[in-house]
C-alpha atoms as a PDB file:
ATOM      1  CA  MET A   1      -4.995  51.088 -91.430  1.00  0.00           C
ATOM      2  CA  ASP A   2      -5.186  53.089 -88.301  1.00  0.00           C
ATOM      3  CA  ASN A   3      -8.000  50.859 -87.174  1.00  0.00           C
ATOM      4  CA  LEU A   4      -5.949  47.801 -87.746  1.00  0.00           C
ATOM      5  CA  TRP A   5      -3.164  49.259 -85.686  1.00  0.00           C
ATOM      6  CA  LEU A   6      -5.642  50.153 -82.953  1.00  0.00           C
ATOM      7  CA  TYR A   7      -7.064  46.613 -82.998  1.00  0.00           C
ATOM      8  CA  ALA A   8      -3.580  45.120 -82.690  1.00  0.00           C
ATOM      9  CA  VAL A   9      -2.714  47.331 -79.725  1.00  0.00           C
ATOM     10  CA  LEU A  10      -6.003  46.493 -78.038  1.00  0.00           C
ATOM     11  CA  LEU A  11      -5.494  42.784 -78.687  1.00  0.00           C
ATOM     12  CA  GLY A  12      -1.944  43.011 -77.202  1.00  0.00           C
ATOM     13  CA  LEU A  13      -3.245  44.752 -74.109  1.00  0.00           C
ATOM     14  CA  ALA A  14      -5.974  42.141 -73.695  1.00  0.00           C
ATOM     15  CA  LEU A  15      -3.380  39.346 -73.984  1.00  0.00           C
ATOM     16  CA  LEU A  16      -1.088  41.094 -71.533  1.00  0.00           C
ATOM     17  CA  LEU A  17      -3.922  41.453 -69.010  1.00  0.00           C
ATOM     18  CA  ALA A  18      -5.060  37.873 -69.535  1.00  0.00           C
ATOM     19  CA  SER A  19      -1.505  36.599 -68.987  1.00  0.00           C
ATOM     20  CA  ARG A  20      -1.417  38.443 -65.647  1.00  0.00           C
ATOM     21  CA  PHE A  21      -4.493  36.621 -64.388  1.00  0.00           C
ATOM     22  CA  LEU A  22      -3.604  33.138 -65.665  1.00  0.00           C
ATOM     23  CA  PRO A  23      -1.589  30.868 -63.276  1.00  0.00           C
ATOM     24  CA  LYS A  24       2.039  30.405 -64.152  1.00  0.00           C
ATOM     25  CA  ARG A  25       3.556  26.967 -64.558  1.00  0.00           C
ATOM     26  CA  ASP A  26       6.213  27.617 -61.883  1.00  0.00           C
ATOM     27  CA  ALA A  27       3.549  28.683 -59.372  1.00  0.00           C
ATOM     28  CA  GLY A  28       1.903  25.246 -59.726  1.00  0.00           C
ATOM     29  CA  ARG A  29       5.235  23.606 -59.034  1.00  0.00           C
ATOM     30  CA  GLU A  30       5.770  25.793 -55.981  1.00  0.00           C
ATOM     31  CA  ILE A  31       2.327  24.966 -54.621  1.00  0.00           C
ATOM     32  CA  GLY A  32       2.961  21.228 -55.150  1.00  0.00           C
ATOM     33  CA  SER A  33       6.316  21.554 -53.398  1.00  0.00           C
ATOM     34  CA  ALA A  34       4.729  23.435 -50.493  1.00  0.00           C
ATOM     35  CA  VAL A  35       2.018  20.760 -50.213  1.00  0.00           C
ATOM     36  CA  ARG A  36       4.643  17.999 -50.175  1.00  0.00           C
ATOM     37  CA  GLN A  37       6.639  19.877 -47.498  1.00  0.00           C
ATOM     38  CA  LEU A  38       3.473  20.340 -45.420  1.00  0.00           C
ATOM     39  CA  GLU A  39       2.681  16.624 -45.785  1.00  0.00           C
ATOM     40  CA  GLY A  40       6.213  15.774 -44.635  1.00  0.00           C
ATOM     41  CA  VAL A  41       5.931  18.041 -41.577  1.00  0.00           C
ATOM     42  CA  MET A  42       2.520  16.574 -40.723  1.00  0.00           C
ATOM     43  CA  ASN A  43       3.896  13.017 -41.093  1.00  0.00           C
ATOM     44  CA  GLU A  44       6.827  13.840 -38.781  1.00  0.00           C
ATOM     45  CA  PHE A  45       4.437  15.397 -36.283  1.00  0.00           C
ATOM     46  CA  ALA A  46       2.145  12.350 -36.390  1.00  0.00           C
ATOM     47  CA  SER A  47       5.070   9.938 -35.962  1.00  0.00           C
ATOM     48  CA  GLY A  48       6.375  12.002 -33.012  1.00  0.00           C
ATOM     49  CA  ILE A  49       2.960  11.874 -31.331  1.00  0.00           C
ATOM     50  CA  GLU A  50       2.764   8.138 -32.023  1.00  0.00           C
ATOM     51  CA  GLU A  51       6.150   7.569 -30.401  1.00  0.00           C
ATOM     52  CA  GLU A  52       5.148   9.600 -27.361  1.00  0.00           C
ATOM     53  CA  ASN A  53       1.900   7.620 -27.114  1.00  0.00           C
ATOM     54  CA  LYS A  54       3.855   4.342 -27.248  1.00  0.00           C
ATOM     55  CA  GLU A  55       6.162   5.585 -24.466  1.00  0.00           C
ATOM     56  CA  LEU A  56       3.186   6.687 -22.391  1.00  0.00           C
ATOM     57  CA  ILE A  57       1.458   3.322 -22.857  1.00  0.00           C
ATOM     58  CA  GLN A  58       4.663   1.525 -21.830  1.00  0.00           C
ATOM     59  CA  MET A  59       4.991   3.699 -18.716  1.00  0.00           C
ATOM     60  CA  ILE A  60       1.373   2.983 -17.730  1.00  0.00           C
ATOM     61  CA  THR A  61       1.918  -0.746 -18.335  1.00  0.00           C
ATOM     62  CA  ASP A  62       5.053  -0.720 -16.167  1.00  0.00           C
ATOM     63  CA  MET A  63       3.303   1.236 -13.448  1.00  0.00           C
ATOM     64  CA  ARG A  64       0.337  -1.163 -13.446  1.00  0.00           C
ATOM     65  CA  ARG A  65       2.717  -4.170 -13.278  1.00  0.00           C
ATOM     66  CA  ARG A  66       4.602  -2.669 -10.320  1.00  0.00           C
ATOM     67  CA  GLN A  67       1.343  -1.847  -8.585  1.00  0.00           C
ATOM     68  CA  GLU A  68       0.162  -5.434  -8.988  1.00  0.00           C
ATOM     69  CA  GLU A  69       3.477  -6.772  -7.642  1.00  0.00           C
ATOM     70  CA  GLU A  70       3.263  -4.456  -4.615  1.00  0.00           C
ATOM     71  CA  ARG A  71      -0.359  -5.486  -4.053  1.00  0.00           C
ATOM     72  CA  ALA A  72       0.590  -9.177  -4.184  1.00  0.00           C
ATOM     73  CA  ALA A  73       3.455  -8.576  -1.733  1.00  0.00           C
ATOM     74  CA  LEU A  74       1.139  -6.722   0.639  1.00  0.00           C
ATOM     75  CA  LEU A  75      -1.444  -9.481   0.451  1.00  0.00           C
ATOM     76  CA  GLU A  76       1.250 -12.028   1.291  1.00  0.00           C
ATOM     77  CA  ARG A  77       2.348  -9.902   4.286  1.00  0.00           C
ATOM     78  CA  ILE A  78      -1.256  -9.618   5.475  1.00  0.00           C
ATOM     79  CA  ALA A  79      -1.761 -13.351   5.171  1.00  0.00           C
ATOM     80  CA  ALA A  80       1.466 -13.993   7.099  1.00  0.00           C
ATOM     81  CA  ALA A  81       0.432 -11.514   9.789  1.00  0.00           C
ATOM     82  CA  GLU A  82      -3.005 -13.110  10.064  1.00  0.00           C
ATOM     83  CA  ALA A  83      -1.414 -16.524  10.341  1.00  0.00           C
ATOM     84  CA  LYS A  84       0.915 -15.290  13.137  1.00  0.00           C
ATOM     85  CA  ALA A  85      -2.025 -13.673  14.932  1.00  0.00           C
ATOM     86  CA  GLY A  86      -3.983 -16.898  14.666  1.00  0.00           C
ATOM     87  CA  GLU A  87      -1.068 -18.833  16.083  1.00  0.00           C
ATOM     88  CA  ALA A  88      -0.759 -16.309  18.899  1.00  0.00           C
ATOM     89  CA  TRP A  89      -4.420 -16.629  19.755  1.00  0.00           C
ATOM     90  CA  LEU A  90      -4.152 -20.428  19.716  1.00  0.00           C
ATOM     91  CA  ARG A  91      -1.105 -20.232  21.969  1.00  0.00           C
ATOM     92  CA  ALA A  92      -3.010 -17.817  24.264  1.00  0.00           C
ATOM     93  CA  ASP A  93      -5.913 -20.229  24.458  1.00  0.00           C
ATOM     94  CA  GLN A  94      -3.502 -23.074  25.229  1.00  0.00           C
ATOM     95  CA  LEU A  95      -1.825 -21.046  27.974  1.00  0.00           C
ATOM     96  CA  ALA A  96      -5.208 -20.053  29.371  1.00  0.00           C
ATOM     97  CA  ALA A  97      -6.203 -23.738  29.451  1.00  0.00           C
ATOM     98  CA  GLU A  98      -2.935 -24.592  31.149  1.00  0.00           C
ATOM     99  CA  LEU A  99      -3.523 -21.788  33.662  1.00  0.00           C
ATOM    100  CA  ARG A 100      -7.029 -23.104  34.394  1.00  0.00           C
ATOM    101  CA  GLU A 101      -5.593 -26.587  34.825  1.00  0.00           C
ATOM    102  CA  LEU A 102      -2.902 -25.258  37.195  1.00  0.00           C
ATOM    103  CA  LYS A 103      -5.517 -23.368  39.206  1.00  0.00           C
ATOM    104  CA  ARG A 104      -7.640 -26.485  39.360  1.00  0.00           C
ATOM    105  CA  LEU A 105      -4.672 -28.559  40.476  1.00  0.00           C
ATOM    106  CA  ALA A 106      -3.397 -25.982  42.980  1.00  0.00           C
ATOM    107  CA  PRO A 107      -6.185 -26.523  45.528  1.00  0.00           C
ATOM    108  CA  ALA A 108      -5.845 -30.292  45.025  1.00  0.00           C
ATOM    109  CA  ALA A 109      -2.125 -30.053  45.801  1.00  0.00           C
ATOM    110  CA  GLY A 110      -2.917 -27.963  48.866  1.00  0.00           C
ATOM    111  CA  ALA A 111      -5.429 -30.566  50.059  1.00  0.00           C
ATOM    112  CA  GLY A 112      -2.763 -33.253  49.915  1.00  0.00           C
ATOM    113  CA  SER A 113      -0.470 -31.337  52.247  1.00  0.00           C
ATOM    114  CA  SER A 114      -1.005 -30.780  55.931  1.00  0.00           C
ATOM    115  CA  GLY A 115      -4.281 -29.205  57.012  1.00  0.00           C
ATOM    116  CA  SER A 116      -2.572 -26.230  58.641  1.00  0.00           C
ATOM    117  CA  GLU A 117      -1.037 -25.128  55.378  1.00  0.00           C
ATOM    118  CA  THR A 118      -4.329 -25.098  53.521  1.00  0.00           C
ATOM    119  CA  GLU A 119      -6.042 -23.260  56.311  1.00  0.00           C
ATOM    120  CA  ASN A 120      -3.386 -20.596  56.530  1.00  0.00           C
ATOM    121  CA  SER A 121      -2.837 -20.149  52.768  1.00  0.00           C
ATOM    122  CA  GLY A 122      -5.840 -17.882  52.372  1.00  0.00           C
ATOM    123  CA  ASP A 123      -4.991 -15.358  55.122  1.00  0.00           C
ATOM    124  CA  GLY A 124      -1.403 -14.578  54.117  1.00  0.00           C
ATOM    125  CA  SER A 125       0.215 -16.380  57.111  1.00  0.00           C
ATOM    126  CA  PRO A 126       3.025 -18.898  56.607  1.00  0.00           C
ATOM    127  CA  GLY A 127       2.230 -21.707  54.252  1.00  0.00           C
ATOM    128  CA  THR A 128       1.822 -21.825  50.494  1.00  0.00           C
ATOM    129  CA  ALA A 129       1.454 -18.335  49.116  1.00  0.00           C
ATOM    130  CA  PRO A 130      -0.882 -17.870  46.180  1.00  0.00           C
ATOM    131  CA  ALA A 131       0.869 -17.548  42.836  1.00  0.00           C
ATOM    132  CA  PRO A 132       1.280 -13.925  41.774  1.00  0.00           C
ATOM    133  CA  GLY A 133      -1.126 -12.833  39.051  1.00  0.00           C
ATOM    134  CA  ILE A 134      -0.268 -11.623  35.590  1.00  0.00           C
ATOM    135  CA  ARG A 135      -0.374  -8.004  36.792  1.00  0.00           C
ATOM    136  CA  GLU A 136       2.297  -8.627  39.409  1.00  0.00           C
ATOM    137  CA  ARG A 137       4.571 -10.693  37.169  1.00  0.00           C
ATOM    138  CA  TYR A 138       4.421  -8.402  34.187  1.00  0.00           C
ATOM    139  CA  ALA A 139       3.938  -5.037  35.860  1.00  0.00           C
ATOM    140  CA  GLU A 140       6.425  -3.276  33.614  1.00  0.00           C
ATOM    141  CA  ILE A 141       4.612  -4.342  30.408  1.00  0.00           C
ATOM    142  CA  LEU A 142       1.261  -3.337  31.804  1.00  0.00           C
ATOM    143  CA  SER A 143       2.677  -0.013  33.023  1.00  0.00           C
ATOM    144  CA  LEU A 144       4.094   0.795  29.621  1.00  0.00           C
ATOM    145  CA  HIS A 145       0.817  -0.189  27.987  1.00  0.00           C
ATOM    146  CA  ALA A 146      -1.195   1.933  30.444  1.00  0.00           C
ATOM    147  CA  ARG A 147       0.998   4.903  29.506  1.00  0.00           C
ATOM    148  CA  GLY A 148      -0.058   4.477  25.894  1.00  0.00           C
ATOM    149  CA  GLY A 149       2.812   2.352  24.635  1.00  0.00           C
ATOM    150  CA  SER A 150       2.143   0.314  21.522  1.00  0.00           C
ATOM    151  CA  VAL A 151       2.737  -3.449  21.428  1.00  0.00           C
ATOM    152  CA  GLU A 152       5.608  -2.933  18.962  1.00  0.00           C
ATOM    153  CA  GLY A 153       7.193  -0.251  21.142  1.00  0.00           C
ATOM    154  CA  ILE A 154       6.912  -2.306  24.323  1.00  0.00           C
ATOM    155  CA  ALA A 155       8.320  -5.371  22.613  1.00  0.00           C
ATOM    156  CA  ARG A 156      11.219  -3.376  21.230  1.00  0.00           C
ATOM    157  CA  LYS A 157      11.943  -1.686  24.593  1.00  0.00           C
ATOM    158  CA  LEU A 158      11.864  -4.940  26.575  1.00  0.00           C
ATOM    159  CA  ALA A 159      13.476  -7.074  23.847  1.00  0.00           C
ATOM    160  CA  MET A 160      10.456  -9.343  23.651  1.00  0.00           C
ATOM    161  CA  ASP A 161       8.410 -10.807  20.845  1.00  0.00           C
ATOM    162  CA  LYS A 162       5.320  -8.835  19.859  1.00  0.00           C
ATOM    163  CA  GLY A 163       3.177 -11.963  20.127  1.00  0.00           C
ATOM    164  CA  GLU A 164       4.386 -12.486  23.705  1.00  0.00           C
ATOM    165  CA  VAL A 165       3.504  -8.910  24.653  1.00  0.00           C
ATOM    166  CA  GLN A 166       0.057  -9.279  23.041  1.00  0.00           C
ATOM    167  CA  LEU A 167      -0.485 -12.539  24.891  1.00  0.00           C
ATOM    168  CA  ILE A 168       0.449 -11.018  28.275  1.00  0.00           C
ATOM    169  CA  LEU A 169      -1.868  -8.034  27.659  1.00  0.00           C
ATOM    170  CA  HIS A 170      -4.649 -10.390  26.635  1.00  0.00           C
ATOM    171  CA  LEU A 171      -4.191 -12.600  29.703  1.00  0.00           C
ATOM    172  CA  ALA A 172      -4.063  -9.581  31.992  1.00  0.00           C
ATOM    173  CA  ASP A 173      -7.323  -8.349  30.518  1.00  0.00           C
ATOM    174  CA  ARG A 174      -8.902 -11.780  31.030  1.00  0.00           C
ATOM    175  CA  GLU A 175      -7.602 -11.875  34.625  1.00  0.00           C
ATOM    176  CA  ALA A 176      -9.028  -8.430  35.318  1.00  0.00           C
ATOM    177  CA  ARG A 177     -12.443  -9.439  33.941  1.00  0.00           C
ATOM    178  CA  ALA A 178     -12.356 -12.640  36.004  1.00  0.00           C
ATOM    179  CA  HIS A 179     -11.716 -10.704  39.232  1.00  0.00           C
ATOM    180  CA  ALA A 180     -14.219  -7.985  38.440  1.00  0.00           C
END
């Protein structure tokens, strides 16, 4: 009988030890709950990142759209400036042609007058005085330009159009090359 008692005690101890190492039913529920909580946190994190990515994509799209609008506006301004410059050059060429025509007609007008006037016009004595050149008529513009003034600055200071200032500088340059 003592052996039976000993076997019962040993069997009880073995069951007690085995129950310690076997997982409990509540522990499985706790692990499942923790896994579900972790999945929820991960889903919130992923949705937060997704929202931030959408905002970032929208910001980049808006920035690209604004950049394209600014580029289009700048291209329009460049085209307008080039058109104005082309018009100014055409006007300069027209004025140069008119100036050549006036110079061509000036000696013919002098030939139609009395002989003494044409003879005296070249030496500075009384008669028809030669028309002053661009440098004499627009000395202030050329002086400001010689001192490093920009076309815009000169036009602003003298209340003139930039194209007009550019034309005068261009004609003065042509006149200087013609006399050189």
